[in-house]
Amino acid sequence: MSARKVDDHVELTEDEARAGETGKGLRYVLVAGVVLVVIGFAAVAMGGFG
């Protein structure tokens, strides 16, 4: 850990501040979610559910 005290606060690196790494598959989950939401809105707009 490379945290250091500077004056009245502590400075951390980016990884230490996030407390870990984001997974490699995270972007694919986010993209899939956005695509499914867009498809859902399109289906509702076209009257597909009612």
C-alpha atoms as a PDB file:
ATOM      1  CA  MET A   1       0.000   0.000   0.000  1.00  0.00           C
ATOM      2  CA  SER A   2       1.467   3.325  -0.996  1.00  0.00           C
ATOM      3  CA  ALA A   3      -0.921   5.621   0.856  1.00  0.00           C
ATOM      4  CA  ARG A   4       0.831   8.600   2.350  1.00  0.00           C
ATOM      5  CA  LYS A   5      -0.225  11.383   4.658  1.00  0.00           C
ATOM      6  CA  VAL A   6       0.017  14.844   3.166  1.00  0.00           C
ATOM      7  CA  ASP A   7      -0.815  17.715   5.507  1.00  0.00           C
ATOM      8  CA  ASP A   8      -4.257  16.815   6.888  1.00  0.00           C
ATOM      9  CA  HIS A   9      -5.326  14.213   4.279  1.00  0.00           C
ATOM     10  CA  VAL A  10      -4.212  10.850   2.886  1.00  0.00           C
ATOM     11  CA  GLU A  11      -3.330  10.379  -0.787  1.00  0.00           C
ATOM     12  CA  LEU A  12      -3.995   7.040  -2.519  1.00  0.00           C
ATOM     13  CA  THR A  13      -3.331   5.671  -5.978  1.00  0.00           C
ATOM     14  CA  GLU A  14      -6.338   5.138  -8.292  1.00  0.00           C
ATOM     15  CA  ASP A  15      -6.416   1.368  -7.702  1.00  0.00           C
ATOM     16  CA  GLU A  16      -6.254   1.794  -3.928  1.00  0.00           C
ATOM     17  CA  ALA A  17      -9.067   4.327  -3.980  1.00  0.00           C
ATOM     18  CA  ARG A  18     -11.286   1.963  -5.991  1.00  0.00           C
ATOM     19  CA  ALA A  19     -10.346  -0.941  -3.720  1.00  0.00           C
ATOM     20  CA  GLY A  20      -9.803  -3.280  -6.649  1.00  0.00           C
ATOM     21  CA  GLU A  21     -10.081  -3.831 -10.364  1.00  0.00           C
ATOM     22  CA  THR A  22     -13.192  -3.853 -12.475  1.00  0.00           C
ATOM     23  CA  GLY A  23     -13.758  -7.177 -14.197  1.00  0.00           C
ATOM     24  CA  LYS A  24     -12.881  -7.648 -17.834  1.00  0.00           C
ATOM     25  CA  GLY A  25     -16.454  -8.712 -18.659  1.00  0.00           C
ATOM     26  CA  LEU A  26     -18.032  -5.653 -17.091  1.00  0.00           C
ATOM     27  CA  ARG A  27     -18.179  -3.674 -20.318  1.00  0.00           C
ATOM     28  CA  TYR A  28     -19.971  -6.537 -22.079  1.00  0.00           C
ATOM     29  CA  VAL A  29     -22.597  -6.715 -19.335  1.00  0.00           C
ATOM     30  CA  LEU A  30     -23.149  -2.951 -19.564  1.00  0.00           C
ATOM     31  CA  VAL A  31     -23.413  -3.024 -23.363  1.00  0.00           C
ATOM     32  CA  ALA A  32     -25.837  -5.975 -23.272  1.00  0.00           C
ATOM     33  CA  GLY A  33     -27.975  -4.179 -20.687  1.00  0.00           C
ATOM     34  CA  VAL A  34     -28.170  -0.986 -22.727  1.00  0.00           C
ATOM     35  CA  VAL A  35     -29.033  -2.935 -25.887  1.00  0.00           C
ATOM     36  CA  LEU A  36     -31.817  -4.819 -24.097  1.00  0.00           C
ATOM     37  CA  VAL A  37     -33.266  -1.587 -22.704  1.00  0.00           C
ATOM     38  CA  VAL A  38     -33.287  -0.010 -26.178  1.00  0.00           C
ATOM     39  CA  ILE A  39     -34.992  -3.112 -27.611  1.00  0.00           C
ATOM     40  CA  GLY A  40     -37.554  -2.987 -24.797  1.00  0.00           C
ATOM     41  CA  PHE A  41     -38.351   0.680 -25.369  1.00  0.00           C
ATOM     42  CA  ALA A  42     -38.666   0.051 -29.124  1.00  0.00           C
ATOM     43  CA  ALA A  43     -41.055  -2.843 -28.515  1.00  0.00           C
ATOM     44  CA  VAL A  44     -43.215  -0.723 -26.228  1.00  0.00           C
ATOM     45  CA  ALA A  45     -43.184   2.210 -28.678  1.00  0.00           C
ATOM     46  CA  MET A  46     -44.318  -0.096 -31.508  1.00  0.00           C
ATOM     47  CA  GLY A  47     -47.139  -1.531 -29.386  1.00  0.00           C
ATOM     48  CA  GLY A  48     -45.565  -4.937 -28.988  1.00  0.00           C
ATOM     49  CA  PHE A  49     -46.749  -5.383 -25.414  1.00  0.00           C
ATOM     50  CA  GLY A  50     -50.226  -4.247 -25.371  1.00  0.00           C
END
